Amino acid sequence: MRGVVQRVIRAGVEVVAPDGSSSVAGAIGPGLCVFVGVTHDDDEARAIKLAEKIWHLRVLDDADRVMNRSLANRAEIGESAEVLIVSQFTLYGNTDKGRRPSWIDAARPEQAEPLVDRVAEHLRSLGATVATGQFRTEMRVEIVNDGPVTLMLET
């Protein structure tokens, strides 16, 4: 599994209907926006491992404005620990040959959806407030990146 983590001031995702109308699927304030991609050999253990990495990733500022805190640290002292999880099959796009990406390394939706859901569920069980996009839809994601801080995680 892959996760692109961005520290945000706020983030939200809208689902776009076939007629062009849209509705908010999820939104957060300060926290982390994570785009999650799934490949063929991913399983529940990897989903939990990714959630644990996200939960303990020390990219949030402490009182001295040093990246020394995690979502877990925020939750321990009663601050918000917000995460927006957005499925992103294009994280497994392969651009080694030609100009058109190959999606062969991305898992099919039937495999990917429950694993992305498992990442969100595990983060909730740890104490995070989790918002999500909606699988198999066109989404528009709005992010106000803080820092900017952007990292790639792999399990």
N, C-alpha and C. Protein backbone atom coordinates (compact mmCIF):
# COMPACT_ATOMS: atom_id res chain seq x y z
N MET A 1 0.85 -1.18 0.00
CA MET A 1 0.00 0.00 0.00
C MET A 1 0.89 1.23 0.00
N ARG A 2 0.36 2.26 -0.58
CA ARG A 2 1.03 3.54 -0.61
C ARG A 2 0.10 4.60 -0.02
N GLY A 3 0.72 5.53 0.66
CA GLY A 3 -0.01 6.67 1.17
C GLY A 3 0.78 7.93 0.95
N VAL A 4 0.18 8.91 0.33
CA VAL A 4 0.78 10.23 0.22
C VAL A 4 0.12 11.08 1.30
N VAL A 5 0.95 11.50 2.26
CA VAL A 5 0.46 12.22 3.44
C VAL A 5 0.79 13.69 3.29
N GLN A 6 -0.22 14.53 3.48
CA GLN A 6 0.00 15.97 3.45
C GLN A 6 -0.53 16.56 4.74
N ARG A 7 0.32 17.34 5.40
CA ARG A 7 -0.13 18.07 6.58
C ARG A 7 -0.96 19.25 6.08
N VAL A 8 -2.16 19.42 6.64
CA VAL A 8 -3.07 20.43 6.11
C VAL A 8 -3.62 21.33 7.21
N ILE A 9 -3.97 22.53 6.80
CA ILE A 9 -4.73 23.43 7.66
C ILE A 9 -6.20 23.05 7.59
N ARG A 10 -6.61 22.66 6.37
CA ARG A 10 -7.96 22.10 6.16
C ARG A 10 -7.94 21.34 4.84
N ALA A 11 -8.88 20.41 4.71
CA ALA A 11 -9.01 19.64 3.47
C ALA A 11 -10.44 19.14 3.36
N GLY A 12 -10.88 18.98 2.14
CA GLY A 12 -12.23 18.46 1.92
C GLY A 12 -12.30 17.76 0.58
N VAL A 13 -13.29 16.89 0.48
CA VAL A 13 -13.49 16.17 -0.77
C VAL A 13 -14.97 16.23 -1.14
N GLU A 14 -15.21 16.55 -2.41
CA GLU A 14 -16.56 16.57 -2.97
C GLU A 14 -16.71 15.42 -3.94
N VAL A 15 -17.90 14.84 -3.97
CA VAL A 15 -18.23 13.80 -4.93
C VAL A 15 -19.02 14.45 -6.05
N VAL A 16 -18.61 14.17 -7.29
CA VAL A 16 -19.25 14.78 -8.45
C VAL A 16 -20.21 13.78 -9.07
N ALA A 17 -21.46 14.18 -9.20
CA ALA A 17 -22.49 13.33 -9.82
C ALA A 17 -22.39 13.41 -11.34
N PRO A 18 -22.98 12.43 -12.05
CA PRO A 18 -22.94 12.45 -13.52
C PRO A 18 -23.49 13.73 -14.14
N ASP A 19 -24.43 14.38 -13.46
CA ASP A 19 -25.00 15.62 -14.00
C ASP A 19 -24.12 16.85 -13.73
N GLY A 20 -22.99 16.64 -13.05
CA GLY A 20 -22.07 17.74 -12.77
C GLY A 20 -22.26 18.37 -11.41
N SER A 21 -23.35 18.04 -10.73
CA SER A 21 -23.55 18.58 -9.38
C SER A 21 -22.58 17.88 -8.43
N SER A 22 -22.34 18.50 -7.29
CA SER A 22 -21.42 17.89 -6.34
C SER A 22 -21.93 18.07 -4.92
N SER A 23 -21.43 17.19 -4.04
CA SER A 23 -21.77 17.28 -2.62
C SER A 23 -20.53 16.92 -1.81
N VAL A 24 -20.43 17.50 -0.63
CA VAL A 24 -19.28 17.25 0.23
C VAL A 24 -19.39 15.85 0.82
N ALA A 25 -18.34 15.06 0.63
CA ALA A 25 -18.30 13.71 1.20
C ALA A 25 -17.61 13.73 2.55
N GLY A 26 -16.59 14.58 2.70
CA GLY A 26 -15.87 14.65 3.96
C GLY A 26 -14.99 15.88 4.00
N ALA A 27 -14.74 16.37 5.22
CA ALA A 27 -13.89 17.54 5.39
C ALA A 27 -13.27 17.50 6.77
N ILE A 28 -12.07 18.08 6.87
CA ILE A 28 -11.38 18.16 8.15
C ILE A 28 -10.78 19.55 8.32
N GLY A 29 -10.44 19.86 9.56
CA GLY A 29 -9.66 21.05 9.88
C GLY A 29 -8.20 20.65 9.91
N PRO A 30 -7.42 21.22 10.82
CA PRO A 30 -5.99 20.89 10.87
C PRO A 30 -5.76 19.40 11.11
N GLY A 31 -4.84 18.83 10.32
CA GLY A 31 -4.54 17.42 10.46
C GLY A 31 -3.79 16.91 9.25
N LEU A 32 -4.15 15.69 8.81
CA LEU A 32 -3.48 15.05 7.69
C LEU A 32 -4.47 14.62 6.63
N CYS A 33 -4.13 14.89 5.38
CA CYS A 33 -4.87 14.37 4.24
C CYS A 33 -4.00 13.26 3.66
N VAL A 34 -4.60 12.07 3.49
CA VAL A 34 -3.83 10.93 3.02
C VAL A 34 -4.50 10.32 1.80
N PHE A 35 -3.76 10.30 0.69
CA PHE A 35 -4.21 9.61 -0.52
C PHE A 35 -3.68 8.19 -0.41
N VAL A 36 -4.56 7.19 -0.55
CA VAL A 36 -4.19 5.78 -0.34
C VAL A 36 -4.36 5.00 -1.64
N GLY A 37 -3.28 4.31 -2.03
CA GLY A 37 -3.31 3.44 -3.20
C GLY A 37 -3.07 2.00 -2.78
N VAL A 38 -3.71 1.08 -3.49
CA VAL A 38 -3.63 -0.35 -3.17
C VAL A 38 -3.14 -1.11 -4.39
N THR A 39 -2.24 -2.07 -4.17
CA THR A 39 -1.77 -2.95 -5.24
C THR A 39 -2.20 -4.38 -4.95
N HIS A 40 -1.90 -5.27 -5.87
CA HIS A 40 -2.45 -6.63 -5.87
C HIS A 40 -2.13 -7.48 -4.65
N ASP A 41 -0.94 -7.35 -4.08
CA ASP A 41 -0.58 -8.21 -2.96
C ASP A 41 -0.84 -7.58 -1.60
N ASP A 42 -1.55 -6.46 -1.57
CA ASP A 42 -1.90 -5.84 -0.30
C ASP A 42 -2.98 -6.63 0.41
N ASP A 43 -2.97 -6.54 1.74
CA ASP A 43 -3.94 -7.26 2.55
C ASP A 43 -4.26 -6.45 3.80
N GLU A 44 -5.08 -7.03 4.68
CA GLU A 44 -5.51 -6.32 5.89
C GLU A 44 -4.33 -5.94 6.78
N ALA A 45 -3.34 -6.81 6.88
CA ALA A 45 -2.18 -6.51 7.71
C ALA A 45 -1.46 -5.25 7.22
N ARG A 46 -1.34 -5.10 5.92
CA ARG A 46 -0.70 -3.90 5.37
C ARG A 46 -1.55 -2.66 5.59
N ALA A 47 -2.87 -2.82 5.52
CA ALA A 47 -3.77 -1.69 5.77
C ALA A 47 -3.60 -1.19 7.21
N ILE A 48 -3.54 -2.12 8.15
CA ILE A 48 -3.36 -1.75 9.56
C ILE A 48 -1.98 -1.11 9.76
N LYS A 49 -0.96 -1.66 9.12
CA LYS A 49 0.39 -1.10 9.23
C LYS A 49 0.43 0.33 8.71
N LEU A 50 -0.24 0.58 7.58
CA LEU A 50 -0.27 1.93 7.03
C LEU A 50 -0.99 2.88 8.00
N ALA A 51 -2.10 2.44 8.56
CA ALA A 51 -2.83 3.27 9.52
C ALA A 51 -1.96 3.59 10.74
N GLU A 52 -1.21 2.61 11.22
CA GLU A 52 -0.31 2.83 12.36
C GLU A 52 0.77 3.85 12.02
N LYS A 53 1.33 3.74 10.81
CA LYS A 53 2.35 4.70 10.38
C LYS A 53 1.77 6.12 10.34
N ILE A 54 0.58 6.25 9.80
CA ILE A 54 -0.08 7.56 9.73
C ILE A 54 -0.30 8.10 11.14
N TRP A 55 -0.79 7.27 12.04
CA TRP A 55 -1.13 7.67 13.42
C TRP A 55 0.10 8.16 14.18
N HIS A 56 1.23 7.52 13.95
CA HIS A 56 2.44 7.83 14.72
C HIS A 56 3.44 8.72 13.98
N LEU A 57 3.12 9.15 12.77
CA LEU A 57 4.02 9.97 11.97
C LEU A 57 4.20 11.34 12.62
N ARG A 58 5.44 11.68 12.96
CA ARG A 58 5.72 12.91 13.69
C ARG A 58 5.99 14.06 12.70
N VAL A 59 4.91 14.62 12.18
CA VAL A 59 5.02 15.73 11.23
C VAL A 59 4.20 16.94 11.67
N LEU A 60 3.65 16.88 12.88
CA LEU A 60 2.86 17.99 13.39
C LEU A 60 3.72 18.81 14.35
N ASP A 61 3.51 20.12 14.34
CA ASP A 61 4.33 21.01 15.15
C ASP A 61 4.05 20.88 16.64
N ASP A 62 5.13 21.00 17.43
CA ASP A 62 4.98 21.11 18.87
C ASP A 62 4.89 22.60 19.22
N ALA A 63 4.97 22.93 20.50
CA ALA A 63 4.86 24.33 20.94
C ALA A 63 5.97 25.21 20.38
N ASP A 64 7.11 24.60 20.03
CA ASP A 64 8.23 25.36 19.47
C ASP A 64 8.23 25.39 17.95
N ARG A 65 7.14 24.92 17.33
CA ARG A 65 6.97 24.86 15.88
C ARG A 65 7.99 23.93 15.23
N VAL A 66 8.31 22.85 15.94
CA VAL A 66 9.18 21.81 15.43
C VAL A 66 8.32 20.58 15.13
N MET A 67 8.53 19.94 13.98
CA MET A 67 7.75 18.74 13.64
C MET A 67 8.15 17.60 14.57
N ASN A 68 7.44 17.53 15.69
CA ASN A 68 7.81 16.59 16.74
C ASN A 68 6.60 15.86 17.31
N ARG A 69 5.43 16.11 16.74
CA ARG A 69 4.21 15.50 17.28
C ARG A 69 3.49 14.72 16.20
N SER A 70 2.69 13.77 16.65
CA SER A 70 1.89 12.92 15.76
C SER A 70 0.42 13.10 16.09
N LEU A 71 -0.43 12.46 15.30
CA LEU A 71 -1.85 12.44 15.64
C LEU A 71 -2.06 11.81 17.00
N ALA A 72 -1.29 10.76 17.30
CA ALA A 72 -1.40 10.10 18.61
C ALA A 72 -1.10 11.08 19.73
N ASN A 73 -0.06 11.90 19.57
CA ASN A 73 0.27 12.90 20.59
C ASN A 73 -0.86 13.90 20.76
N ARG A 74 -1.46 14.32 19.66
CA ARG A 74 -2.59 15.26 19.75
C ARG A 74 -3.74 14.65 20.54
N ALA A 75 -4.06 13.41 20.22
CA ALA A 75 -5.18 12.76 20.89
C ALA A 75 -4.91 12.62 22.38
N GLU A 76 -3.67 12.35 22.76
CA GLU A 76 -3.30 12.17 24.17
C GLU A 76 -3.58 13.41 25.00
N ILE A 77 -3.45 14.59 24.40
CA ILE A 77 -3.65 15.82 25.16
C ILE A 77 -5.00 16.48 24.86
N GLY A 78 -5.86 15.75 24.16
CA GLY A 78 -7.22 16.24 23.92
C GLY A 78 -7.38 17.16 22.74
N GLU A 79 -6.37 17.29 21.90
CA GLU A 79 -6.51 18.08 20.68
C GLU A 79 -7.11 17.23 19.58
N SER A 80 -7.56 17.87 18.52
CA SER A 80 -8.15 17.12 17.41
C SER A 80 -7.08 16.34 16.66
N ALA A 81 -7.43 15.13 16.27
CA ALA A 81 -6.55 14.27 15.48
C ALA A 81 -7.33 13.90 14.23
N GLU A 82 -7.39 14.83 13.27
CA GLU A 82 -8.24 14.67 12.10
C GLU A 82 -7.46 14.16 10.89
N VAL A 83 -8.11 13.25 10.15
CA VAL A 83 -7.51 12.67 8.96
C VAL A 83 -8.57 12.60 7.86
N LEU A 84 -8.20 12.99 6.65
CA LEU A 84 -9.04 12.79 5.48
C LEU A 84 -8.38 11.70 4.64
N ILE A 85 -9.09 10.59 4.43
CA ILE A 85 -8.58 9.47 3.63
C ILE A 85 -9.28 9.51 2.27
N VAL A 86 -8.47 9.52 1.20
CA VAL A 86 -9.01 9.55 -0.16
C VAL A 86 -8.35 8.43 -0.96
N SER A 87 -9.17 7.53 -1.50
CA SER A 87 -8.62 6.45 -2.35
C SER A 87 -8.02 7.05 -3.61
N GLN A 88 -6.88 6.47 -4.04
CA GLN A 88 -6.15 7.07 -5.16
C GLN A 88 -5.42 5.97 -5.93
N PHE A 89 -6.13 5.33 -6.86
CA PHE A 89 -5.52 4.24 -7.62
C PHE A 89 -4.34 4.72 -8.46
N THR A 90 -4.32 6.00 -8.79
CA THR A 90 -3.25 6.51 -9.65
C THR A 90 -1.88 6.52 -8.97
N LEU A 91 -1.83 6.27 -7.66
CA LEU A 91 -0.54 6.16 -6.98
C LEU A 91 0.25 4.96 -7.50
N TYR A 92 -0.44 4.02 -8.13
CA TYR A 92 0.23 2.87 -8.73
C TYR A 92 0.33 2.99 -10.25
N GLY A 93 0.20 4.19 -10.77
CA GLY A 93 0.41 4.40 -12.20
C GLY A 93 1.88 4.22 -12.54
N ASN A 94 2.15 3.51 -13.62
CA ASN A 94 3.51 3.26 -14.05
C ASN A 94 3.77 4.07 -15.32
N THR A 95 4.79 4.91 -15.25
CA THR A 95 5.11 5.78 -16.39
C THR A 95 6.49 5.45 -16.98
N ASP A 96 6.96 4.22 -16.75
CA ASP A 96 8.28 3.81 -17.26
C ASP A 96 8.35 3.81 -18.78
N LYS A 97 7.27 3.46 -19.44
CA LYS A 97 7.28 3.36 -20.90
C LYS A 97 6.24 4.31 -21.49
N GLY A 98 6.67 5.11 -22.39
CA GLY A 98 5.74 5.98 -23.10
C GLY A 98 5.24 7.12 -22.26
N ARG A 99 4.15 7.71 -22.73
CA ARG A 99 3.59 8.89 -22.08
C ARG A 99 2.27 8.63 -21.39
N ARG A 100 1.71 7.46 -21.66
CA ARG A 100 0.43 7.14 -21.05
C ARG A 100 0.67 6.18 -19.88
N PRO A 101 0.23 6.54 -18.67
CA PRO A 101 0.46 5.66 -17.52
C PRO A 101 -0.27 4.32 -17.68
N SER A 102 0.36 3.28 -17.15
CA SER A 102 -0.27 1.97 -17.06
C SER A 102 -0.82 1.82 -15.65
N TRP A 103 -2.02 1.28 -15.54
CA TRP A 103 -2.66 1.10 -14.23
C TRP A 103 -2.61 -0.36 -13.79
N ILE A 104 -1.80 -1.17 -14.43
CA ILE A 104 -1.80 -2.61 -14.18
C ILE A 104 -1.39 -2.95 -12.73
N ASP A 105 -0.61 -2.10 -12.09
CA ASP A 105 -0.18 -2.37 -10.72
C ASP A 105 -1.23 -1.99 -9.68
N ALA A 106 -2.24 -1.25 -10.08
CA ALA A 106 -3.30 -0.86 -9.14
C ALA A 106 -4.29 -2.01 -8.96
N ALA A 107 -4.68 -2.24 -7.71
CA ALA A 107 -5.66 -3.29 -7.43
C ALA A 107 -7.02 -2.91 -7.98
N ARG A 108 -7.81 -3.92 -8.32
CA ARG A 108 -9.19 -3.70 -8.77
C ARG A 108 -10.00 -3.11 -7.61
N PRO A 109 -11.04 -2.37 -7.91
CA PRO A 109 -11.85 -1.75 -6.86
C PRO A 109 -12.38 -2.75 -5.83
N GLU A 110 -12.71 -3.94 -6.27
CA GLU A 110 -13.27 -4.94 -5.36
C GLU A 110 -12.27 -5.33 -4.27
N GLN A 111 -10.99 -5.29 -4.59
CA GLN A 111 -9.95 -5.57 -3.59
C GLN A 111 -9.58 -4.31 -2.83
N ALA A 112 -9.47 -3.20 -3.52
CA ALA A 112 -8.96 -1.97 -2.92
C ALA A 112 -9.92 -1.34 -1.93
N GLU A 113 -11.20 -1.30 -2.25
CA GLU A 113 -12.15 -0.59 -1.39
C GLU A 113 -12.15 -1.08 0.05
N PRO A 114 -12.25 -2.40 0.31
CA PRO A 114 -12.24 -2.82 1.71
C PRO A 114 -10.93 -2.52 2.44
N LEU A 115 -9.82 -2.47 1.71
CA LEU A 115 -8.54 -2.17 2.35
C LEU A 115 -8.42 -0.69 2.69
N VAL A 116 -8.88 0.18 1.81
CA VAL A 116 -8.89 1.61 2.12
C VAL A 116 -9.84 1.86 3.30
N ASP A 117 -10.99 1.20 3.29
CA ASP A 117 -11.92 1.31 4.42
C ASP A 117 -11.26 0.83 5.72
N ARG A 118 -10.44 -0.21 5.64
CA ARG A 118 -9.78 -0.76 6.83
C ARG A 118 -8.78 0.23 7.39
N VAL A 119 -8.08 0.97 6.53
CA VAL A 119 -7.17 2.01 7.01
C VAL A 119 -7.97 3.04 7.82
N ALA A 120 -9.08 3.50 7.28
CA ALA A 120 -9.92 4.49 7.97
C ALA A 120 -10.47 3.93 9.28
N GLU A 121 -10.96 2.69 9.25
CA GLU A 121 -11.51 2.06 10.46
C GLU A 121 -10.45 1.95 11.56
N HIS A 122 -9.25 1.55 11.18
CA HIS A 122 -8.20 1.38 12.20
C HIS A 122 -7.81 2.73 12.79
N LEU A 123 -7.73 3.76 11.96
CA LEU A 123 -7.43 5.09 12.49
C LEU A 123 -8.52 5.55 13.47
N ARG A 124 -9.77 5.26 13.15
CA ARG A 124 -10.86 5.59 14.07
C ARG A 124 -10.69 4.84 15.39
N SER A 125 -10.33 3.57 15.31
CA SER A 125 -10.17 2.77 16.53
C SER A 125 -9.03 3.30 17.40
N LEU A 126 -8.06 3.96 16.80
CA LEU A 126 -6.95 4.54 17.55
C LEU A 126 -7.32 5.88 18.18
N GLY A 127 -8.39 6.50 17.70
CA GLY A 127 -8.85 7.77 18.27
C GLY A 127 -8.92 8.92 17.30
N ALA A 128 -8.64 8.68 16.04
CA ALA A 128 -8.69 9.76 15.05
C ALA A 128 -10.12 10.06 14.64
N THR A 129 -10.35 11.30 14.28
CA THR A 129 -11.58 11.70 13.61
C THR A 129 -11.28 11.58 12.12
N VAL A 130 -12.01 10.68 11.44
CA VAL A 130 -11.68 10.35 10.05
C VAL A 130 -12.83 10.73 9.13
N ALA A 131 -12.50 11.47 8.09
CA ALA A 131 -13.43 11.74 7.00
C ALA A 131 -12.88 11.02 5.77
N THR A 132 -13.75 10.68 4.84
CA THR A 132 -13.31 9.95 3.65
C THR A 132 -13.96 10.49 2.39
N GLY A 133 -13.35 10.13 1.30
CA GLY A 133 -13.97 10.33 0.00
C GLY A 133 -14.95 9.20 -0.23
N GLN A 134 -15.38 9.04 -1.44
CA GLN A 134 -16.33 7.98 -1.80
C GLN A 134 -15.74 7.18 -2.95
N PHE A 135 -15.63 5.88 -2.74
CA PHE A 135 -15.02 5.00 -3.72
C PHE A 135 -15.83 4.97 -5.01
N ARG A 136 -15.16 4.77 -6.13
CA ARG A 136 -15.76 4.63 -7.46
C ARG A 136 -16.57 5.84 -7.90
N THR A 137 -16.12 7.00 -7.50
CA THR A 137 -16.76 8.24 -7.94
C THR A 137 -15.69 9.21 -8.41
N GLU A 138 -16.12 10.20 -9.14
CA GLU A 138 -15.22 11.31 -9.46
C GLU A 138 -15.22 12.21 -8.24
N MET A 139 -14.03 12.57 -7.79
CA MET A 139 -13.92 13.41 -6.60
C MET A 139 -13.10 14.65 -6.90
N ARG A 140 -13.41 15.70 -6.18
CA ARG A 140 -12.62 16.92 -6.20
C ARG A 140 -12.10 17.13 -4.78
N VAL A 141 -10.79 17.21 -4.67
CA VAL A 141 -10.17 17.36 -3.35
C VAL A 141 -9.58 18.75 -3.24
N GLU A 142 -9.91 19.42 -2.16
CA GLU A 142 -9.36 20.75 -1.89
C GLU A 142 -8.50 20.65 -0.64
N ILE A 143 -7.25 21.11 -0.78
CA ILE A 143 -6.29 20.99 0.31
C ILE A 143 -5.62 22.34 0.52
N VAL A 144 -5.52 22.75 1.77
CA VAL A 144 -4.65 23.87 2.13
C VAL A 144 -3.49 23.23 2.88
N ASN A 145 -2.40 23.01 2.14
CA ASN A 145 -1.23 22.32 2.67
C ASN A 145 -0.53 23.22 3.67
N ASP A 146 -0.08 22.64 4.77
CA ASP A 146 0.57 23.37 5.85
C ASP A 146 2.06 23.05 5.83
N GLY A 147 2.86 24.02 5.50
CA GLY A 147 4.30 23.82 5.52
C GLY A 147 4.97 24.31 4.24
N PRO A 148 4.82 23.65 3.13
CA PRO A 148 4.10 22.41 2.89
C PRO A 148 4.88 21.19 3.39
N VAL A 149 4.13 20.23 3.88
CA VAL A 149 4.69 18.95 4.31
C VAL A 149 3.98 17.85 3.53
N THR A 150 4.73 17.11 2.74
CA THR A 150 4.19 16.00 1.94
C THR A 150 5.18 14.84 2.00
N LEU A 151 4.68 13.65 2.38
CA LEU A 151 5.52 12.46 2.47
C LEU A 151 4.86 11.27 1.81
N MET A 152 5.69 10.35 1.32
CA MET A 152 5.19 9.10 0.75
C MET A 152 5.47 7.98 1.75
N LEU A 153 4.43 7.21 2.09
CA LEU A 153 4.58 6.04 2.95
C LEU A 153 4.30 4.79 2.13
N GLU A 154 5.03 3.71 2.41
CA GLU A 154 4.77 2.42 1.75
C GLU A 154 4.82 1.33 2.80
N THR A 155 3.97 0.33 2.61
CA THR A 155 4.01 -0.84 3.48
C THR A 155 4.26 -2.06 2.63
